[in-house]
Amino acid sequence: MICVWVAMPVFAAIDLDRSLDLELKVKIIPEPRSNPRNPNVNLYTRFKYRLFVPPDHEEGGRKFPLVLFLHGAGERGDDNLAQVTHHIDGLIEATQSQAYSAYLLAPQLPANNPRDTNENPDLPQSNDELFKRILDTVLSDYEDVDTSRIYVTGLSLGGFGTFDMIAEFPDLFAASVPLSGGGDPRTAEIIKDVPLWIFHSRTDNVVPFVLSQIMFDAVTAAEGDPMLTEMPFEGHGGWDAVYRDENHELYPWLFRQSIPEPSTIACLAGFLCLSVIRRRR
């Protein structure tokens, strides 16, 4: 399904004092070492991330979804702030609300971080593996994460990362929302069962719209059911408005997605088989 998204008025910016609701985590992986391909660049010396905790998680008695957010190239660095202070005020506000209370995990790639470089098998071999290690750390620290409702979204570089993550870990994510990115259409068979809503500006002059169109067409051809929304934004951007979701379409769709329990899948498979047998009779 292709739809055209209409921009709405802008929210007031979220007060940065919300950092009080954040938990700062610093991941060391491991000591700095030289990149054999470029001696002036260290590989994976320090990996930081921010974790927004649901405001009511200490009350107990319930589980919460988790949203993994992957930032764009311009937010790389080591301040552990840039990735949460640009473009995602709406996402932060949604996950801190009663309606969509959820964990929000936002890693920050180092400024000198290449996408796939390491030759040492004891080190993470790609950004996907780095993100997965951080996610596993959070899941081990917080038992109230609903592992059937883990979502991934990202913009620009993070839009590419979103496609990479669902291709690498298709059984982990209940839904994905890549913005202004692209992926490998050869992975369509792998990702076709992951609910997918793609956003992209047709006039994007940095990451061409056609890269999202290619993924949409490939997943559709693989009998998936993706959605593609053309953002009414001139050039490379429009992400703030998407995450504000003033049309109240994105977040209701996202947070109702879940991975079925194995017993549910088995029951459904049994029902379908029985239906086929009855038809043959």
Protein backbone atom coordinates (compact mmCIF):
# COMPACT_ATOMS: atom_id res chain seq x y z
CA MET A 1 0.00 0.00 0.00
CA ILE A 2 1.30 3.45 -0.94
CA CYS A 3 -0.10 6.53 0.74
CA VAL A 4 0.67 10.22 0.76
CA TRP A 5 1.26 11.73 4.19
CA VAL A 6 0.11 15.27 4.99
CA ALA A 7 2.20 17.47 7.30
CA MET A 8 0.57 18.97 10.40
CA PRO A 9 1.57 21.89 12.67
CA VAL A 10 4.70 21.55 14.78
CA PHE A 11 4.66 20.59 18.49
CA ALA A 12 6.56 22.61 21.06
CA ALA A 13 9.99 21.09 21.62
CA ILE A 14 10.34 18.69 24.52
CA ASP A 15 12.07 20.19 27.55
CA LEU A 16 15.61 18.83 27.71
CA ASP A 17 15.19 18.47 31.48
CA ARG A 18 13.65 15.19 30.41
CA SER A 19 17.21 13.94 30.58
CA LEU A 20 16.33 13.26 34.22
CA ASP A 21 14.21 10.42 32.90
CA LEU A 22 17.20 8.97 31.06
CA GLU A 23 19.65 6.37 32.19
CA LEU A 24 23.16 6.88 30.86
CA LYS A 25 24.99 3.75 29.83
CA VAL A 26 28.55 3.54 28.56
CA LYS A 27 29.66 0.38 26.82
CA ILE A 28 33.37 -0.31 26.42
CA ILE A 29 34.13 -2.77 23.61
CA PRO A 30 37.06 -3.44 24.45
CA GLU A 31 40.30 -1.35 24.65
CA PRO A 32 41.10 0.96 21.72
CA ARG A 33 43.09 -0.63 18.95
CA SER A 34 44.25 0.44 15.50
CA ASN A 35 42.28 -0.18 12.37
CA PRO A 36 44.57 -2.20 10.09
CA ARG A 37 42.95 -0.55 7.06
CA ASN A 38 43.48 2.94 8.45
CA PRO A 39 46.03 3.35 11.29
CA ASN A 40 44.57 6.78 12.13
CA VAL A 41 41.17 5.35 13.06
CA ASN A 42 40.45 3.30 16.19
CA LEU A 43 37.83 0.56 15.99
CA TYR A 44 34.90 0.44 18.42
CA THR A 45 36.69 2.03 21.34
CA ARG A 46 33.63 3.29 23.18
CA PHE A 47 29.98 2.76 22.44
CA LYS A 48 27.38 4.86 24.24
CA TYR A 49 23.63 4.78 24.35
CA ARG A 50 20.67 6.42 26.02
CA LEU A 51 17.81 4.52 27.54
CA PHE A 52 14.46 6.17 28.23
CA VAL A 53 12.64 4.19 30.90
CA PRO A 54 8.82 4.07 30.92
CA PRO A 55 7.56 6.50 33.59
CA ASP A 56 5.47 3.79 35.26
CA HIS A 57 7.85 0.83 34.99
CA GLU A 58 8.54 0.74 38.73
CA GLU A 59 4.90 0.04 39.50
CA GLY A 60 5.39 -3.59 38.46
CA GLY A 61 2.85 -6.06 37.21
CA ARG A 62 3.17 -5.34 33.49
CA LYS A 63 5.56 -5.54 30.59
CA PHE A 64 6.53 -2.71 28.25
CA PRO A 65 7.46 -2.58 24.57
CA LEU A 66 10.90 -1.40 23.54
CA VAL A 67 11.76 0.84 20.58
CA LEU A 68 15.30 0.75 19.20
CA PHE A 69 16.10 4.05 17.47
CA LEU A 70 19.01 4.36 15.02
CA HIS A 71 20.21 7.90 14.32
CA GLY A 72 21.53 9.52 11.14
CA ALA A 73 25.12 10.19 10.14
CA GLY A 74 25.03 13.73 11.52
CA GLU A 75 24.40 12.51 15.07
CA ARG A 76 27.52 10.34 15.33
CA GLY A 77 29.91 11.33 18.10
CA ASP A 78 30.67 10.69 21.77
CA ASP A 79 28.47 13.20 23.65
CA ASN A 80 25.63 10.67 24.04
CA LEU A 81 23.19 13.50 23.42
CA ALA A 82 23.05 14.30 19.71
CA GLN A 83 21.15 11.12 18.88
CA VAL A 84 18.26 12.10 21.19
CA THR A 85 18.19 15.88 20.73
CA HIS A 86 17.56 15.94 16.98
CA HIS A 87 14.39 14.89 15.13
CA ILE A 88 12.82 12.51 17.68
CA ASP A 89 11.02 14.75 20.19
CA GLY A 90 7.77 13.12 19.10
CA LEU A 91 9.12 9.61 19.58
CA ILE A 92 10.41 10.48 23.05
CA GLU A 93 7.09 12.04 24.00
CA ALA A 94 5.13 9.04 22.72
CA THR A 95 7.19 6.46 24.62
CA GLN A 96 6.98 8.57 27.79
CA SER A 97 3.20 8.84 27.54
CA GLN A 98 0.57 6.67 29.18
CA ALA A 99 -0.86 5.74 25.79
CA TYR A 100 2.38 4.22 24.43
CA SER A 101 4.55 3.79 27.51
CA ALA A 102 7.70 2.01 26.33
CA TYR A 103 11.45 1.75 26.66
CA LEU A 104 13.33 3.81 24.08
CA LEU A 105 16.90 2.70 23.36
CA ALA A 106 19.08 5.10 21.35
CA PRO A 107 22.70 4.04 20.70
CA GLN A 108 25.24 6.54 19.38
CA LEU A 109 27.83 5.51 16.83
CA PRO A 110 31.30 7.02 17.28
CA ALA A 111 32.23 9.70 14.75
CA ASN A 112 35.00 7.52 13.31
CA ASN A 113 32.87 4.38 13.16
CA PRO A 114 32.79 2.54 9.81
CA ARG A 115 29.76 0.35 9.15
CA ASP A 116 31.50 -3.01 8.73
CA THR A 117 35.21 -3.31 9.41
CA ASN A 118 36.45 -5.67 12.10
CA GLU A 119 38.61 -8.63 11.19
CA ASN A 120 39.00 -9.88 14.77
CA PRO A 121 36.26 -12.50 15.40
CA ASP A 122 36.20 -11.61 19.12
CA LEU A 123 34.99 -8.09 18.29
CA PRO A 124 31.61 -7.07 16.85
CA GLN A 125 31.80 -7.50 13.11
CA SER A 126 29.25 -4.84 12.20
CA ASN A 127 27.05 -2.12 13.60
CA ASP A 128 24.17 -4.62 13.59
CA GLU A 129 26.05 -6.82 16.05
CA LEU A 130 26.93 -3.79 18.20
CA PHE A 131 23.28 -2.77 18.39
CA LYS A 132 22.29 -6.34 19.22
CA ARG A 133 24.81 -6.51 22.07
CA ILE A 134 23.46 -3.29 23.55
CA LEU A 135 19.91 -4.55 23.18
CA ASP A 136 20.81 -7.83 24.87
CA THR A 137 22.34 -5.87 27.76
CA VAL A 138 19.12 -3.90 28.25
CA LEU A 139 16.99 -7.04 28.04
CA SER A 140 19.10 -8.70 30.73
CA ASP A 141 18.89 -5.61 32.97
CA TYR A 142 15.14 -5.03 32.58
CA GLU A 143 12.94 -8.09 32.88
CA ASP A 144 9.78 -6.10 32.24
CA VAL A 145 10.57 -5.61 28.54
CA ASP A 146 7.95 -7.35 26.41
CA THR A 147 10.16 -9.30 24.01
CA SER A 148 7.21 -9.89 21.70
CA ARG A 149 6.97 -6.12 21.11
CA ILE A 150 10.46 -4.91 20.18
CA TYR A 151 10.44 -2.37 17.35
CA VAL A 152 13.20 -0.75 15.30
CA THR A 153 13.15 2.59 13.54
CA GLY A 154 15.80 4.92 12.18
CA LEU A 155 16.42 7.81 9.83
CA SER A 156 18.86 8.28 6.95
CA LEU A 157 21.90 6.19 7.97
CA GLY A 158 19.62 4.71 10.62
CA GLY A 159 17.04 3.98 7.93
CA PHE A 160 19.62 1.78 6.23
CA GLY A 161 20.41 0.33 9.66
CA THR A 162 16.75 -0.49 10.22
CA PHE A 163 16.63 -2.58 7.05
CA ASP A 164 19.93 -4.20 8.06
CA MET A 165 18.65 -5.10 11.53
CA ILE A 166 15.45 -6.79 10.37
CA ALA A 167 17.43 -8.69 7.73
CA GLU A 168 19.98 -9.84 10.32
CA PHE A 169 17.48 -10.53 13.13
CA PRO A 170 14.06 -11.01 11.49
CA ASP A 171 12.62 -12.98 14.39
CA LEU A 172 13.53 -10.31 16.94
CA PHE A 173 11.42 -7.38 15.75
CA ALA A 174 7.65 -7.06 15.82
CA ALA A 175 7.70 -4.11 13.38
CA SER A 176 10.07 -1.70 11.65
CA VAL A 177 9.87 1.91 10.46
CA PRO A 178 12.79 3.01 8.23
CA LEU A 179 12.90 6.70 7.22
CA SER A 180 14.87 7.97 4.20
CA GLY A 181 16.97 4.84 3.92
CA GLY A 182 17.32 1.77 1.78
CA GLY A 183 18.26 -1.86 1.93
CA ASP A 184 19.25 -4.94 -0.03
CA PRO A 185 16.29 -6.19 -2.08
CA ARG A 186 17.82 -9.69 -1.97
CA THR A 187 16.73 -9.83 1.70
CA ALA A 188 13.04 -9.45 0.80
CA GLU A 189 12.27 -13.11 1.47
CA ILE A 190 13.90 -12.80 4.89
CA ILE A 191 12.08 -9.65 6.00
CA LYS A 192 8.71 -10.12 4.31
CA ASP A 193 6.97 -11.21 7.53
CA VAL A 194 8.20 -8.24 9.58
CA PRO A 195 5.55 -5.47 9.52
CA LEU A 196 7.19 -2.63 7.62
CA TRP A 197 6.22 1.01 7.18
CA ILE A 198 8.65 2.98 5.02
CA PHE A 199 8.80 6.80 4.91
CA HIS A 200 10.71 8.79 2.30
CA SER A 201 10.56 12.15 0.52
CA ARG A 202 10.27 11.76 -3.24
CA THR A 203 12.52 14.84 -3.66
CA ASP A 204 15.27 13.53 -1.36
CA ASN A 205 18.55 14.78 -2.85
CA VAL A 206 20.84 12.77 -0.53
CA VAL A 207 19.28 9.31 -0.32
CA PRO A 208 17.16 8.81 -3.46
CA PHE A 209 13.51 7.89 -2.99
CA VAL A 210 13.98 5.00 -5.40
CA LEU A 211 15.96 3.09 -2.75
CA SER A 212 12.85 2.86 -0.58
CA GLN A 213 10.70 2.13 -3.64
CA ILE A 214 12.98 -0.78 -4.54
CA MET A 215 12.61 -2.29 -1.05
CA PHE A 216 8.84 -1.77 -1.10
CA ASP A 217 8.55 -3.48 -4.48
CA ALA A 218 10.86 -6.35 -3.47
CA VAL A 219 9.01 -7.11 -0.24
CA THR A 220 5.65 -6.84 -2.02
CA ALA A 221 6.87 -9.26 -4.70
CA ALA A 222 7.91 -11.66 -1.90
CA GLU A 223 4.27 -11.57 -0.74
CA GLY A 224 4.92 -9.29 2.20
CA ASP A 225 2.60 -6.44 3.08
CA PRO A 226 4.77 -3.31 3.44
CA MET A 227 3.57 0.29 3.45
CA LEU A 228 5.32 3.21 1.77
CA THR A 229 4.50 6.82 2.61
CA GLU A 230 5.80 9.74 0.57
CA MET A 231 6.71 12.57 2.96
CA PRO A 232 5.76 16.08 1.74
CA PHE A 233 9.23 17.43 2.45
CA GLU A 234 11.62 19.02 -0.01
CA GLY A 235 14.99 17.31 0.17
CA HIS A 236 16.49 15.01 2.79
CA GLY A 237 14.46 15.24 5.99
CA GLY A 238 10.91 15.49 7.27
CA TRP A 239 11.63 13.11 10.15
CA ASP A 240 10.47 15.36 13.00
CA ALA A 241 6.96 15.45 11.56
CA VAL A 242 6.83 11.69 11.10
CA TYR A 243 7.77 11.06 14.73
CA ARG A 244 5.28 13.68 15.97
CA ASP A 245 2.56 11.60 14.29
CA GLU A 246 -0.05 14.31 14.51
CA ASN A 247 -2.32 12.27 12.25
CA HIS A 248 -2.35 9.57 14.96
CA GLU A 249 -1.61 6.78 12.50
CA LEU A 250 1.98 5.66 13.05
CA TYR A 251 1.98 4.92 16.78
CA PRO A 252 -1.39 3.11 16.93
CA TRP A 253 -0.16 0.90 14.09
CA LEU A 254 3.31 0.38 15.58
CA PHE A 255 2.33 -0.48 19.13
CA ARG A 256 -0.35 -2.97 18.17
CA GLN A 257 2.21 -5.13 16.35
CA SER A 258 3.49 -8.15 18.25
CA ILE A 259 5.25 -11.43 17.55
CA PRO A 260 2.77 -14.29 18.03
CA GLU A 261 3.49 -16.81 20.74
CA PRO A 262 4.78 -20.16 19.38
CA SER A 263 1.62 -21.89 20.62
CA THR A 264 -0.49 -19.40 18.66
CA ILE A 265 1.52 -20.06 15.51
CA ALA A 266 1.19 -23.83 16.01
CA CYS A 267 -2.58 -23.53 16.49
CA LEU A 268 -2.92 -21.37 13.39
CA ALA A 269 -0.81 -23.79 11.34
CA GLY A 270 -2.93 -26.69 12.56
CA PHE A 271 -6.13 -24.86 11.67
CA LEU A 272 -4.86 -24.07 8.17
CA CYS A 273 -3.80 -27.68 7.61
CA LEU A 274 -7.19 -28.94 8.80
CA SER A 275 -8.94 -26.50 6.49
CA VAL A 276 -6.91 -27.78 3.52
CA ILE A 277 -7.69 -31.39 4.40
CA ARG A 278 -11.41 -30.63 4.66
CA ARG A 279 -11.38 -28.86 1.29
CA ARG A 280 -9.67 -31.87 -0.32
CA ARG A 281 -12.38 -34.15 1.03
